[in-house]
Amino acid sequence: MNQQANIKYEFEDLKQIVKEGWMDKQSRFLKKWHKRWVVLTNFTLYTFKKQQQYNNPTEVIDLNHIVSIKQADDQELQKVNSISIQTHDSIFYLVVQDEQQQQQWINLISSHMLKLQNKIKLQQ
């Protein structure tokens, strides 16, 4: 997808926000924790540095590329209420405020992943 088309896709996608909120996200390479504004749409999970400023995402995860989403091992990460999102080429770790938020995010992302998979199957 070219850059211009990608910008349009992101803009259109962000008109359909399902859930958003603050989380801590572990950086991929340095493994440091950063506060991020996380946005779930019908097709994508985004992270941003600032609340409700939907430009220059720090991460863009296509829900079709997620292999699994689950509670992360709190002892391994040394963080409670953590979420593990595995894609084909990466694992992302997020930490939410409480167990209720953890379950809400996992359930919502999982249900939107299933909707996309079912939609793709119907189109084939």
PDB file of N, CA and C in Angstrom:
ATOM      1  N   MET A   1       0.852  -1.179   0.000  1.00  0.00           N
ATOM      2  CA  MET A   1       0.000   0.000   0.000  1.00  0.00           C
ATOM      3  C   MET A   1       0.893   1.236   0.000  1.00  0.00           C
ATOM      4  N   ASN A   2       0.631   2.174  -0.869  1.00  0.00           N
ATOM      5  CA  ASN A   2       1.485   3.368  -0.894  1.00  0.00           C
ATOM      6  C   ASN A   2       1.164   4.293   0.267  1.00  0.00           C
ATOM      7  N   GLN A   3       2.059   5.226   0.520  1.00  0.00           N
ATOM      8  CA  GLN A   3       1.951   6.109   1.689  1.00  0.00           C
ATOM      9  C   GLN A   3       0.648   6.899   1.690  1.00  0.00           C
ATOM     10  N   GLN A   4       0.266   7.455   0.545  1.00  0.00           N
ATOM     11  CA  GLN A   4      -0.944   8.269   0.476  1.00  0.00           C
ATOM     12  C   GLN A   4      -2.185   7.419   0.762  1.00  0.00           C
ATOM     13  N   ALA A   5      -2.254   6.230   0.185  1.00  0.00           N
ATOM     14  CA  ALA A   5      -3.386   5.343   0.436  1.00  0.00           C
ATOM     15  C   ALA A   5      -3.420   4.923   1.901  1.00  0.00           C
ATOM     16  N   ASN A   6      -2.257   4.688   2.491  1.00  0.00           N
ATOM     17  CA  ASN A   6      -2.164   4.287   3.887  1.00  0.00           C
ATOM     18  C   ASN A   6      -2.710   5.381   4.801  1.00  0.00           C
ATOM     19  N   ILE A   7      -2.405   6.632   4.519  1.00  0.00           N
ATOM     20  CA  ILE A   7      -2.903   7.751   5.321  1.00  0.00           C
ATOM     21  C   ILE A   7      -4.423   7.814   5.235  1.00  0.00           C
ATOM     22  N   LYS A   8      -4.976   7.651   4.036  1.00  0.00           N
ATOM     23  CA  LYS A   8      -6.421   7.682   3.864  1.00  0.00           C
ATOM     24  C   LYS A   8      -7.064   6.531   4.626  1.00  0.00           C
ATOM     25  N   TYR A   9      -6.478   5.334   4.531  1.00  0.00           N
ATOM     26  CA  TYR A   9      -7.000   4.163   5.230  1.00  0.00           C
ATOM     27  C   TYR A   9      -7.038   4.421   6.735  1.00  0.00           C
ATOM     28  N   GLU A  10      -5.960   4.939   7.281  1.00  0.00           N
ATOM     29  CA  GLU A  10      -5.912   5.221   8.712  1.00  0.00           C
ATOM     30  C   GLU A  10      -6.959   6.246   9.102  1.00  0.00           C
ATOM     31  N   PHE A  11      -7.109   7.275   8.281  1.00  0.00           N
ATOM     32  CA  PHE A  11      -8.073   8.322   8.583  1.00  0.00           C
ATOM     33  C   PHE A  11      -9.487   7.737   8.599  1.00  0.00           C
ATOM     34  N   GLU A  12      -9.836   6.963   7.593  1.00  0.00           N
ATOM     35  CA  GLU A  12     -11.166   6.374   7.530  1.00  0.00           C
ATOM     36  C   GLU A  12     -11.376   5.382   8.675  1.00  0.00           C
ATOM     37  N   ASP A  13     -10.382   4.580   8.962  1.00  0.00           N
ATOM     38  CA  ASP A  13     -10.452   3.589  10.021  1.00  0.00           C
ATOM     39  C   ASP A  13     -10.705   4.249  11.383  1.00  0.00           C
ATOM     40  N   LEU A  14     -10.076   5.379  11.618  1.00  0.00           N
ATOM     41  CA  LEU A  14     -10.197   6.048  12.914  1.00  0.00           C
ATOM     42  C   LEU A  14     -11.549   6.743  13.110  1.00  0.00           C
ATOM     43  N   LYS A  15     -12.405   6.719  12.097  1.00  0.00           N
ATOM     44  CA  LYS A  15     -13.768   7.223  12.267  1.00  0.00           C
ATOM     45  C   LYS A  15     -14.642   6.192  12.969  1.00  0.00           C
ATOM     46  N   GLN A  16     -14.136   4.961  13.097  1.00  0.00           N
ATOM     47  CA  GLN A  16     -14.904   3.865  13.681  1.00  0.00           C
ATOM     48  C   GLN A  16     -14.221   3.346  14.949  1.00  0.00           C
ATOM     49  N   ILE A  17     -13.992   4.220  15.904  1.00  0.00           N
ATOM     50  CA  ILE A  17     -13.304   3.827  17.136  1.00  0.00           C
ATOM     51  C   ILE A  17     -14.235   2.987  18.007  1.00  0.00           C
ATOM     52  N   VAL A  18     -13.735   1.824  18.419  1.00  0.00           N
ATOM     53  CA  VAL A  18     -14.479   0.893  19.260  1.00  0.00           C
ATOM     54  C   VAL A  18     -14.168   1.158  20.732  1.00  0.00           C
ATOM     55  N   LYS A  19     -12.885   1.346  21.040  1.00  0.00           N
ATOM     56  CA  LYS A  19     -12.445   1.597  22.420  1.00  0.00           C
ATOM     57  C   LYS A  19     -11.111   2.308  22.366  1.00  0.00           C
ATOM     58  N   GLU A  20     -10.864   3.160  23.343  1.00  0.00           N
ATOM     59  CA  GLU A  20      -9.577   3.850  23.441  1.00  0.00           C
ATOM     60  C   GLU A  20      -9.275   4.146  24.897  1.00  0.00           C
ATOM     61  N   GLY A  21      -7.982   4.254  25.211  1.00  0.00           N
ATOM     62  CA  GLY A  21      -7.586   4.559  26.574  1.00  0.00           C
ATOM     63  C   GLY A  21      -6.085   4.446  26.766  1.00  0.00           C
ATOM     64  N   TRP A  22      -5.623   4.881  27.926  1.00  0.00           N
ATOM     65  CA  TRP A  22      -4.199   4.849  28.251  1.00  0.00           C
ATOM     66  C   TRP A  22      -3.762   3.447  28.666  1.00  0.00           C
ATOM     67  N   MET A  23      -2.590   3.065  28.201  1.00  0.00           N
ATOM     68  CA  MET A  23      -1.931   1.825  28.611  1.00  0.00           C
ATOM     69  C   MET A  23      -0.435   2.078  28.637  1.00  0.00           C
ATOM     70  N   ASP A  24       0.275   1.182  29.301  1.00  0.00           N
ATOM     71  CA  ASP A  24       1.732   1.171  29.185  1.00  0.00           C
ATOM     72  C   ASP A  24       2.057   0.125  28.133  1.00  0.00           C
ATOM     73  N   LYS A  25       2.983   0.466  27.233  1.00  0.00           N
ATOM     74  CA  LYS A  25       3.389  -0.447  26.166  1.00  0.00           C
ATOM     75  C   LYS A  25       4.896  -0.629  26.226  1.00  0.00           C
ATOM     76  N   GLN A  26       5.323  -1.875  26.126  1.00  0.00           N
ATOM     77  CA  GLN A  26       6.750  -2.149  26.130  1.00  0.00           C
ATOM     78  C   GLN A  26       7.299  -1.946  24.719  1.00  0.00           C
ATOM     79  N   SER A  27       8.387  -1.187  24.621  1.00  0.00           N
ATOM     80  CA  SER A  27       9.001  -0.972  23.301  1.00  0.00           C
ATOM     81  C   SER A  27       9.584  -2.282  22.795  1.00  0.00           C
ATOM     82  N   ARG A  28       9.576  -2.437  21.498  1.00  0.00           N
ATOM     83  CA  ARG A  28       9.987  -3.705  20.883  1.00  0.00           C
ATOM     84  C   ARG A  28      11.458  -4.034  21.111  1.00  0.00           C
ATOM     85  N   PHE A  29      12.317  -3.047  20.974  1.00  0.00           N
ATOM     86  CA  PHE A  29      13.748  -3.329  20.967  1.00  0.00           C
ATOM     87  C   PHE A  29      14.436  -3.048  22.303  1.00  0.00           C
ATOM     88  N   LEU A  30      14.153  -1.924  22.904  1.00  0.00           N
ATOM     89  CA  LEU A  30      14.809  -1.583  24.170  1.00  0.00           C
ATOM     90  C   LEU A  30      14.071  -2.138  25.389  1.00  0.00           C
ATOM     91  N   LYS A  31      12.843  -2.612  25.168  1.00  0.00           N
ATOM     92  CA  LYS A  31      12.024  -3.219  26.226  1.00  0.00           C
ATOM     93  C   LYS A  31      11.705  -2.246  27.366  1.00  0.00           C
ATOM     94  N   LYS A  32      11.670  -0.954  27.048  1.00  0.00           N
ATOM     95  CA  LYS A  32      11.285   0.054  28.042  1.00  0.00           C
ATOM     96  C   LYS A  32       9.778   0.268  27.955  1.00  0.00           C
ATOM     97  N   TRP A  33       9.200   0.701  29.072  1.00  0.00           N
ATOM     98  CA  TRP A  33       7.759   0.926  29.126  1.00  0.00           C
ATOM     99  C   TRP A  33       7.446   2.391  28.872  1.00  0.00           C
ATOM    100  N   HIS A  34       6.440   2.630  28.007  1.00  0.00           N
ATOM    101  CA  HIS A  34       6.014   3.984  27.662  1.00  0.00           C
ATOM    102  C   HIS A  34       4.499   4.067  27.755  1.00  0.00           C
ATOM    103  N   LYS A  35       4.017   5.192  28.243  1.00  0.00           N
ATOM    104  CA  LYS A  35       2.582   5.435  28.306  1.00  0.00           C
ATOM    105  C   LYS A  35       2.094   5.747  26.889  1.00  0.00           C
ATOM    106  N   ARG A  36       1.048   5.049  26.451  1.00  0.00           N
ATOM    107  CA  ARG A  36       0.518   5.229  25.099  1.00  0.00           C
ATOM    108  C   ARG A  36      -1.006   5.291  25.122  1.00  0.00           C
ATOM    109  N   TRP A  37      -1.544   6.117  24.216  1.00  0.00           N
ATOM    110  CA  TRP A  37      -2.975   6.182  23.999  1.00  0.00           C
ATOM    111  C   TRP A  37      -3.291   5.089  22.972  1.00  0.00           C
ATOM    112  N   VAL A  38      -4.055   4.085  23.385  1.00  0.00           N
ATOM    113  CA  VAL A  38      -4.329   2.923  22.542  1.00  0.00           C
ATOM    114  C   VAL A  38      -5.744   3.038  21.981  1.00  0.00           C
ATOM    115  N   VAL A  39      -5.857   2.802  20.677  1.00  0.00           N
ATOM    116  CA  VAL A  39      -7.137   2.946  19.986  1.00  0.00           C
ATOM    117  C   VAL A  39      -7.438   1.664  19.212  1.00  0.00           C
ATOM    118  N   LEU A  40      -8.603   1.103  19.479  1.00  0.00           N
ATOM    119  CA  LEU A  40      -9.080  -0.058  18.740  1.00  0.00           C
ATOM    120  C   LEU A  40     -10.167   0.391  17.780  1.00  0.00           C
ATOM    121  N   THR A  41     -10.004   0.033  16.503  1.00  0.00           N
ATOM    122  CA  THR A  41     -11.051   0.262  15.510  1.00  0.00           C
ATOM    123  C   THR A  41     -11.547  -1.108  15.053  1.00  0.00           C
ATOM    124  N   ASN A  42     -12.406  -1.128  14.075  1.00  0.00           N
ATOM    125  CA  ASN A  42     -12.923  -2.391  13.567  1.00  0.00           C
ATOM    126  C   ASN A  42     -11.856  -3.244  12.886  1.00  0.00           C
ATOM    127  N   PHE A  43     -10.750  -2.610  12.485  1.00  0.00           N
ATOM    128  CA  PHE A  43      -9.743  -3.313  11.696  1.00  0.00           C
ATOM    129  C   PHE A  43      -8.330  -3.255  12.274  1.00  0.00           C
ATOM    130  N   THR A  44      -8.079  -2.313  13.194  1.00  0.00           N
ATOM    131  CA  THR A  44      -6.703  -2.006  13.580  1.00  0.00           C
ATOM    132  C   THR A  44      -6.603  -1.635  15.053  1.00  0.00           C
ATOM    133  N   LEU A  45      -5.425  -1.910  15.621  1.00  0.00           N
ATOM    134  CA  LEU A  45      -5.076  -1.433  16.952  1.00  0.00           C
ATOM    135  C   LEU A  45      -3.927  -0.443  16.778  1.00  0.00           C
ATOM    136  N   TYR A  46      -4.116   0.782  17.236  1.00  0.00           N
ATOM    137  CA  TYR A  46      -3.118   1.849  17.101  1.00  0.00           C
ATOM    138  C   TYR A  46      -2.604   2.246  18.482  1.00  0.00           C
ATOM    139  N   THR A  47      -1.369   2.738  18.540  1.00  0.00           N
ATOM    140  CA  THR A  47      -0.882   3.414  19.742  1.00  0.00           C
ATOM    141  C   THR A  47      -0.353   4.782  19.343  1.00  0.00           C
ATOM    142  N   PHE A  48      -0.619   5.768  20.198  1.00  0.00           N
ATOM    143  CA  PHE A  48      -0.202   7.148  19.969  1.00  0.00           C
ATOM    144  C   PHE A  48       0.454   7.695  21.231  1.00  0.00           C
ATOM    145  N   LYS A  49       1.256   8.721  21.070  1.00  0.00           N
ATOM    146  CA  LYS A  49       1.905   9.339  22.224  1.00  0.00           C
ATOM    147  C   LYS A  49       0.964  10.247  23.003  1.00  0.00           C
ATOM    148  N   LYS A  50      -0.034  10.817  22.318  1.00  0.00           N
ATOM    149  CA  LYS A  50      -0.929  11.774  22.969  1.00  0.00           C
ATOM    150  C   LYS A  50      -2.374  11.334  22.836  1.00  0.00           C
ATOM    151  N   GLN A  51      -3.144  11.684  23.847  1.00  0.00           N
ATOM    152  CA  GLN A  51      -4.557  11.334  23.888  1.00  0.00           C
ATOM    153  C   GLN A  51      -5.326  12.031  22.779  1.00  0.00           C
ATOM    154  N   GLN A  52      -6.099  11.251  22.028  1.00  0.00           N
ATOM    155  CA  GLN A  52      -7.008  11.731  20.985  1.00  0.00           C
ATOM    156  C   GLN A  52      -6.332  12.621  19.952  1.00  0.00           C
ATOM    157  N   GLN A  53      -5.053  12.417  19.723  1.00  0.00           N
ATOM    158  CA  GLN A  53      -4.348  13.076  18.615  1.00  0.00           C
ATOM    159  C   GLN A  53      -3.921  11.970  17.664  1.00  0.00           C
ATOM    160  N   TYR A  54      -4.768  11.723  16.679  1.00  0.00           N
ATOM    161  CA  TYR A  54      -4.661  10.548  15.835  1.00  0.00           C
ATOM    162  C   TYR A  54      -3.764  10.764  14.620  1.00  0.00           C
ATOM    163  N   ASN A  55      -2.535  11.152  14.879  1.00  0.00           N
ATOM    164  CA  ASN A  55      -1.556  11.247  13.796  1.00  0.00           C
ATOM    165  C   ASN A  55      -0.239  10.669  14.292  1.00  0.00           C
ATOM    166  N   ASN A  56       0.556  10.182  13.367  1.00  0.00           N
ATOM    167  CA  ASN A  56       1.856   9.580  13.674  1.00  0.00           C
ATOM    168  C   ASN A  56       1.771   8.491  14.743  1.00  0.00           C
ATOM    169  N   PRO A  57       1.050   7.412  14.463  1.00  0.00           N
ATOM    170  CA  PRO A  57       0.972   6.337  15.460  1.00  0.00           C
ATOM    171  C   PRO A  57       2.345   5.730  15.722  1.00  0.00           C
ATOM    172  N   THR A  58       2.570   5.334  16.964  1.00  0.00           N
ATOM    173  CA  THR A  58       3.830   4.667  17.302  1.00  0.00           C
ATOM    174  C   THR A  58       3.760   3.189  16.938  1.00  0.00           C
ATOM    175  N   GLU A  59       2.538   2.669  16.825  1.00  0.00           N
ATOM    176  CA  GLU A  59       2.352   1.265  16.433  1.00  0.00           C
ATOM    177  C   GLU A  59       1.042   1.151  15.679  1.00  0.00           C
ATOM    178  N   VAL A  60       1.017   0.318  14.646  1.00  0.00           N
ATOM    179  CA  VAL A  60      -0.196   0.021  13.898  1.00  0.00           C
ATOM    180  C   VAL A  60      -0.246  -1.496  13.754  1.00  0.00           C
ATOM    181  N   ILE A  61      -1.247  -2.114  14.372  1.00  0.00           N
ATOM    182  CA  ILE A  61      -1.366  -3.565  14.331  1.00  0.00           C
ATOM    183  C   ILE A  61      -2.679  -3.926  13.639  1.00  0.00           C
ATOM    184  N   ASP A  62      -2.564  -4.503  12.470  1.00  0.00           N
ATOM    185  CA  ASP A  62      -3.727  -4.972  11.720  1.00  0.00           C
ATOM    186  C   ASP A  62      -4.311  -6.169  12.471  1.00  0.00           C
ATOM    187  N   LEU A  63      -5.602  -6.137  12.767  1.00  0.00           N
ATOM    188  CA  LEU A  63      -6.218  -7.223  13.521  1.00  0.00           C
ATOM    189  C   LEU A  63      -6.118  -8.553  12.784  1.00  0.00           C
ATOM    190  N   ASN A  64      -6.044  -8.527  11.458  1.00  0.00           N
ATOM    191  CA  ASN A  64      -5.877  -9.754  10.678  1.00  0.00           C
ATOM    192  C   ASN A  64      -4.519 -10.405  10.899  1.00  0.00           C
ATOM    193  N   HIS A  65      -3.545  -9.647  11.389  1.00  0.00           N
ATOM    194  CA  HIS A  65      -2.196 -10.178  11.593  1.00  0.00           C
ATOM    195  C   HIS A  65      -1.964 -10.709  13.003  1.00  0.00           C
ATOM    196  N   ILE A  66      -2.960 -10.568  13.865  1.00  0.00           N
ATOM    197  CA  ILE A  66      -2.811 -11.060  15.237  1.00  0.00           C
ATOM    198  C   ILE A  66      -3.042 -12.570  15.257  1.00  0.00           C
ATOM    199  N   VAL A  67      -2.067 -13.265  15.811  1.00  0.00           N
ATOM    200  CA  VAL A  67      -2.142 -14.724  15.943  1.00  0.00           C
ATOM    201  C   VAL A  67      -2.825 -15.098  17.255  1.00  0.00           C
ATOM    202  N   SER A  68      -2.494 -14.360  18.328  1.00  0.00           N
ATOM    203  CA  SER A  68      -3.137 -14.624  19.615  1.00  0.00           C
ATOM    204  C   SER A  68      -3.118 -13.373  20.478  1.00  0.00           C
ATOM    205  N   ILE A  69      -4.112 -13.307  21.344  1.00  0.00           N
ATOM    206  CA  ILE A  69      -4.171 -12.246  22.360  1.00  0.00           C
ATOM    207  C   ILE A  69      -4.609 -12.914  23.655  1.00  0.00           C
ATOM    208  N   LYS A  70      -3.885 -12.610  24.736  1.00  0.00           N
ATOM    209  CA  LYS A  70      -4.180 -13.253  26.015  1.00  0.00           C
ATOM    210  C   LYS A  70      -3.573 -12.450  27.150  1.00  0.00           C
ATOM    211  N   GLN A  71      -3.906 -12.858  28.368  1.00  0.00           N
ATOM    212  CA  GLN A  71      -3.257 -12.284  29.541  1.00  0.00           C
ATOM    213  C   GLN A  71      -1.793 -12.691  29.474  1.00  0.00           C
ATOM    214  N   ALA A  72      -0.925 -11.737  29.716  1.00  0.00           N
ATOM    215  CA  ALA A  72       0.506 -12.048  29.737  1.00  0.00           C
ATOM    216  C   ALA A  72       0.878 -12.600  31.105  1.00  0.00           C
ATOM    217  N   ASP A  73       2.009 -13.229  31.155  1.00  0.00           N
ATOM    218  CA  ASP A  73       2.525 -13.765  32.415  1.00  0.00           C
ATOM    219  C   ASP A  73       3.024 -12.591  33.263  1.00  0.00           C
ATOM    220  N   ASP A  74       2.233 -12.233  34.287  1.00  0.00           N
ATOM    221  CA  ASP A  74       2.558 -11.079  35.127  1.00  0.00           C
ATOM    222  C   ASP A  74       3.921 -11.227  35.803  1.00  0.00           C
ATOM    223  N   GLN A  75       4.260 -12.425  36.192  1.00  0.00           N
ATOM    224  CA  GLN A  75       5.538 -12.632  36.878  1.00  0.00           C
ATOM    225  C   GLN A  75       6.713 -12.428  35.924  1.00  0.00           C
ATOM    226  N   GLU A  76       6.550 -12.897  34.691  1.00  0.00           N
ATOM    227  CA  GLU A  76       7.618 -12.743  33.711  1.00  0.00           C
ATOM    228  C   GLU A  76       7.864 -11.268  33.388  1.00  0.00           C
ATOM    229  N   LEU A  77       6.786 -10.512  33.214  1.00  0.00           N
ATOM    230  CA  LEU A  77       6.897  -9.087  32.882  1.00  0.00           C
ATOM    231  C   LEU A  77       7.115  -8.219  34.120  1.00  0.00           C
ATOM    232  N   GLN A  78       6.790  -8.762  35.277  1.00  0.00           N
ATOM    233  CA  GLN A  78       6.804  -8.019  36.536  1.00  0.00           C
ATOM    234  C   GLN A  78       5.834  -6.841  36.484  1.00  0.00           C
ATOM    235  N   LYS A  79       4.704  -7.083  35.829  1.00  0.00           N
ATOM    236  CA  LYS A  79       3.624  -6.100  35.716  1.00  0.00           C
ATOM    237  C   LYS A  79       2.308  -6.847  35.860  1.00  0.00           C
ATOM    238  N   VAL A  80       1.358  -6.278  36.593  1.00  0.00           N
ATOM    239  CA  VAL A  80       0.033  -6.895  36.703  1.00  0.00           C
ATOM    240  C   VAL A  80      -0.879  -6.310  35.625  1.00  0.00           C
ATOM    241  N   ASN A  81      -1.928  -7.054  35.301  1.00  0.00           N
ATOM    242  CA  ASN A  81      -2.928  -6.644  34.308  1.00  0.00           C
ATOM    243  C   ASN A  81      -2.307  -6.442  32.924  1.00  0.00           C
ATOM    244  N   SER A  82      -1.440  -7.342  32.562  1.00  0.00           N
ATOM    245  CA  SER A  82      -0.747  -7.217  31.281  1.00  0.00           C
ATOM    246  C   SER A  82      -1.416  -8.069  30.205  1.00  0.00           C
ATOM    247  N   ILE A  83      -1.238  -7.626  28.961  1.00  0.00           N
ATOM    248  CA  ILE A  83      -1.823  -8.273  27.790  1.00  0.00           C
ATOM    249  C   ILE A  83      -0.694  -8.580  26.817  1.00  0.00           C
ATOM    250  N   SER A  84      -0.751  -9.762  26.248  1.00  0.00           N
ATOM    251  CA  SER A  84       0.217 -10.179  25.235  1.00  0.00           C
ATOM    252  C   SER A  84      -0.498 -10.285  23.893  1.00  0.00           C
ATOM    253  N   ILE A  85       0.020  -9.588  22.888  1.00  0.00           N
ATOM    254  CA  ILE A  85      -0.530  -9.659  21.537  1.00  0.00           C
ATOM    255  C   ILE A  85       0.566 -10.182  20.623  1.00  0.00           C
ATOM    256  N   GLN A  86       0.326 -11.358  20.071  1.00  0.00           N
ATOM    257  CA  GLN A  86       1.323 -11.959  19.188  1.00  0.00           C
ATOM    258  C   GLN A  86       0.857 -11.841  17.741  1.00  0.00           C
ATOM    259  N   THR A  87       1.751 -11.301  16.890  1.00  0.00           N
ATOM    260  CA  THR A  87       1.509 -11.266  15.448  1.00  0.00           C
ATOM    261  C   THR A  87       2.471 -12.268  14.815  1.00  0.00           C
ATOM    262  N   HIS A  88       2.484 -12.316  13.505  1.00  0.00           N
ATOM    263  CA  HIS A  88       3.371 -13.252  12.814  1.00  0.00           C
ATOM    264  C   HIS A  88       4.849 -12.942  13.051  1.00  0.00           C
ATOM    265  N   ASP A  89       5.167 -11.677  13.314  1.00  0.00           N
ATOM    266  CA  ASP A  89       6.585 -11.312  13.449  1.00  0.00           C
ATOM    267  C   ASP A  89       6.956 -10.593  14.735  1.00  0.00           C
ATOM    268  N   SER A  90       6.002 -10.374  15.640  1.00  0.00           N
ATOM    269  CA  SER A  90       6.307  -9.644  16.883  1.00  0.00           C
ATOM    270  C   SER A  90       5.375 -10.067  18.012  1.00  0.00           C
ATOM    271  N   ILE A  91       5.806  -9.728  19.221  1.00  0.00           N
ATOM    272  CA  ILE A  91       4.936  -9.846  20.391  1.00  0.00           C
ATOM    273  C   ILE A  91       4.897  -8.474  21.057  1.00  0.00           C
ATOM    274  N   PHE A  92       3.702  -7.989  21.316  1.00  0.00           N
ATOM    275  CA  PHE A  92       3.507  -6.697  21.955  1.00  0.00           C
ATOM    276  C   PHE A  92       2.959  -6.928  23.352  1.00  0.00           C
ATOM    277  N   TYR A  93       3.481  -6.147  24.298  1.00  0.00           N
ATOM    278  CA  TYR A  93       2.999  -6.237  25.681  1.00  0.00           C
ATOM    279  C   TYR A  93       2.405  -4.898  26.080  1.00  0.00           C
ATOM    280  N   LEU A  94       1.190  -4.976  26.625  1.00  0.00           N
ATOM    281  CA  LEU A  94       0.469  -3.795  27.098  1.00  0.00           C
ATOM    282  C   LEU A  94       0.048  -4.035  28.533  1.00  0.00           C
ATOM    283  N   VAL A  95      -0.018  -2.968  29.308  1.00  0.00           N
ATOM    284  CA  VAL A  95      -0.468  -3.063  30.694  1.00  0.00           C
ATOM    285  C   VAL A  95      -1.590  -2.049  30.898  1.00  0.00           C
ATOM    286  N   VAL A  96      -2.705  -2.545  31.433  1.00  0.00           N
ATOM    287  CA  VAL A  96      -3.862  -1.694  31.699  1.00  0.00           C
ATOM    288  C   VAL A  96      -3.996  -1.462  33.199  1.00  0.00           C
ATOM    289  N   GLN A  97      -4.934  -0.615  33.553  1.00  0.00           N
ATOM    290  CA  GLN A  97      -5.098  -0.155  34.929  1.00  0.00           C
ATOM    291  C   GLN A  97      -5.587  -1.244  35.878  1.00  0.00           C
ATOM    292  N   ASP A  98      -6.519  -2.105  35.427  1.00  0.00           N
ATOM    293  CA  ASP A  98      -7.070  -3.123  36.332  1.00  0.00           C
ATOM    294  C   ASP A  98      -7.517  -4.354  35.548  1.00  0.00           C
ATOM    295  N   GLU A  99      -7.899  -5.372  36.285  1.00  0.00           N
ATOM    296  CA  GLU A  99      -8.280  -6.653  35.681  1.00  0.00           C
ATOM    297  C   GLU A  99      -9.519  -6.522  34.791  1.00  0.00           C
ATOM    298  N   GLN A 100     -10.453  -5.667  35.183  1.00  0.00           N
ATOM    299  CA  GLN A 100     -11.666  -5.448  34.384  1.00  0.00           C
ATOM    300  C   GLN A 100     -11.304  -4.879  33.007  1.00  0.00           C
ATOM    301  N   GLN A 101     -10.422  -3.881  32.980  1.00  0.00           N
ATOM    302  CA  GLN A 101      -9.974  -3.302  31.712  1.00  0.00           C
ATOM    303  C   GLN A 101      -9.223  -4.339  30.875  1.00  0.00           C
ATOM    304  N   GLN A 102      -8.435  -5.155  31.543  1.00  0.00           N
ATOM    305  CA  GLN A 102      -7.685  -6.202  30.848  1.00  0.00           C
ATOM    306  C   GLN A 102      -8.655  -7.128  30.092  1.00  0.00           C
ATOM    307  N   GLN A 103      -9.685  -7.581  30.776  1.00  0.00           N
ATOM    308  CA  GLN A 103     -10.657  -8.481  30.147  1.00  0.00           C
ATOM    309  C   GLN A 103     -11.450  -7.783  29.041  1.00  0.00           C
ATOM    310  N   GLN A 104     -11.813  -6.522  29.255  1.00  0.00           N
ATOM    311  CA  GLN A 104     -12.550  -5.776  28.226  1.00  0.00           C
ATOM    312  C   GLN A 104     -11.741  -5.659  26.940  1.00  0.00           C
ATOM    313  N   TRP A 105     -10.480  -5.259  27.067  1.00  0.00           N
ATOM    314  CA  TRP A 105      -9.621  -5.112  25.887  1.00  0.00           C
ATOM    315  C   TRP A 105      -9.420  -6.449  25.181  1.00  0.00           C
ATOM    316  N   ILE A 106      -9.121  -7.488  25.934  1.00  0.00           N
ATOM    317  CA  ILE A 106      -8.904  -8.813  25.328  1.00  0.00           C
ATOM    318  C   ILE A 106     -10.169  -9.275  24.612  1.00  0.00           C
ATOM    319  N   ASN A 107     -11.314  -9.143  25.263  1.00  0.00           N
ATOM    320  CA  ASN A 107     -12.574  -9.579  24.658  1.00  0.00           C
ATOM    321  C   ASN A 107     -12.926  -8.783  23.413  1.00  0.00           C
ATOM    322  N   LEU A 108     -12.760  -7.468  23.471  1.00  0.00           N
ATOM    323  CA  LEU A 108     -13.088  -6.633  22.314  1.00  0.00           C
ATOM    324  C   LEU A 108     -12.169  -6.917  21.120  1.00  0.00           C
ATOM    325  N   ILE A 109     -10.887  -6.986  21.378  1.00  0.00           N
ATOM    326  CA  ILE A 109      -9.949  -7.260  20.283  1.00  0.00           C
ATOM    327  C   ILE A 109     -10.239  -8.639  19.695  1.00  0.00           C
ATOM    328  N   SER A 110     -10.448  -9.622  20.553  1.00  0.00           N
ATOM    329  CA  SER A 110     -10.749 -10.986  20.085  1.00  0.00           C
ATOM    330  C   SER A 110     -12.017 -11.017  19.241  1.00  0.00           C
ATOM    331  N   SER A 111     -13.053 -10.358  19.687  1.00  0.00           N
ATOM    332  CA  SER A 111     -14.320 -10.391  18.944  1.00  0.00           C
ATOM    333  C   SER A 111     -14.187  -9.696  17.587  1.00  0.00           C
ATOM    334  N   HIS A 112     -13.419  -8.610  17.526  1.00  0.00           N
ATOM    335  CA  HIS A 112     -13.224  -7.933  16.240  1.00  0.00           C
ATOM    336  C   HIS A 112     -12.331  -8.748  15.301  1.00  0.00           C
ATOM    337  N   MET A 113     -11.385  -9.483  15.874  1.00  0.00           N
ATOM    338  CA  MET A 113     -10.572 -10.395  15.059  1.00  0.00           C
ATOM    339  C   MET A 113     -11.469 -11.458  14.420  1.00  0.00           C
ATOM    340  N   LEU A 114     -12.367 -12.042  15.211  1.00  0.00           N
ATOM    341  CA  LEU A 114     -13.270 -13.075  14.703  1.00  0.00           C
ATOM    342  C   LEU A 114     -14.207 -12.531  13.633  1.00  0.00           C
ATOM    343  N   LYS A 115     -14.730 -11.326  13.843  1.00  0.00           N
ATOM    344  CA  LYS A 115     -15.598 -10.705  12.836  1.00  0.00           C
ATOM    345  C   LYS A 115     -14.865 -10.550  11.512  1.00  0.00           C
ATOM    346  N   LEU A 116     -13.624 -10.101  11.567  1.00  0.00           N
ATOM    347  CA  LEU A 116     -12.837  -9.942  10.346  1.00  0.00           C
ATOM    348  C   LEU A 116     -12.577 -11.275   9.668  1.00  0.00           C
ATOM    349  N   GLN A 117     -12.228 -12.285  10.452  1.00  0.00           N
ATOM    350  CA  GLN A 117     -11.970 -13.615   9.886  1.00  0.00           C
ATOM    351  C   GLN A 117     -13.220 -14.176   9.221  1.00  0.00           C
ATOM    352  N   ASN A 118     -14.372 -13.999   9.861  1.00  0.00           N
ATOM    353  CA  ASN A 118     -15.640 -14.487   9.282  1.00  0.00           C
ATOM    354  C   ASN A 118     -15.993 -13.734   8.007  1.00  0.00           C
ATOM    355  N   LYS A 119     -15.725 -12.445   8.002  1.00  0.00           N
ATOM    356  CA  LYS A 119     -15.995 -11.631   6.815  1.00  0.00           C
ATOM    357  C   LYS A 119     -15.125 -12.079   5.652  1.00  0.00           C
ATOM    358  N   ILE A 120     -13.877 -12.369   5.925  1.00  0.00           N
ATOM    359  CA  ILE A 120     -12.957 -12.833   4.884  1.00  0.00           C
ATOM    360  C   ILE A 120     -13.412 -14.193   4.348  1.00  0.00           C
ATOM    361  N   LYS A 121     -13.835 -15.095   5.237  1.00  0.00           N
ATOM    362  CA  LYS A 121     -14.307 -16.413   4.807  1.00  0.00           C
ATOM    363  C   LYS A 121     -15.534 -16.288   3.906  1.00  0.00           C
ATOM    364  N   LEU A 122     -16.434 -15.380   4.250  1.00  0.00           N
ATOM    365  CA  LEU A 122     -17.642 -15.191   3.435  1.00  0.00           C
ATOM    366  C   LEU A 122     -17.332 -14.649   2.053  1.00  0.00           C
ATOM    367  N   GLN A 123     -16.263 -13.856   1.953  1.00  0.00           N
ATOM    368  CA  GLN A 123     -15.890 -13.262   0.665  1.00  0.00           C
ATOM    369  C   GLN A 123     -15.168 -14.257  -0.242  1.00  0.00           C
ATOM    370  N   GLN A 124     -14.687 -15.362   0.322  1.00  0.00           N
ATOM    371  CA  GLN A 124     -13.937 -16.331  -0.483  1.00  0.00           C
ATOM    372  C   GLN A 124     -14.842 -17.270  -1.235  1.00  0.00           C
TER     373      GLN A 124
END
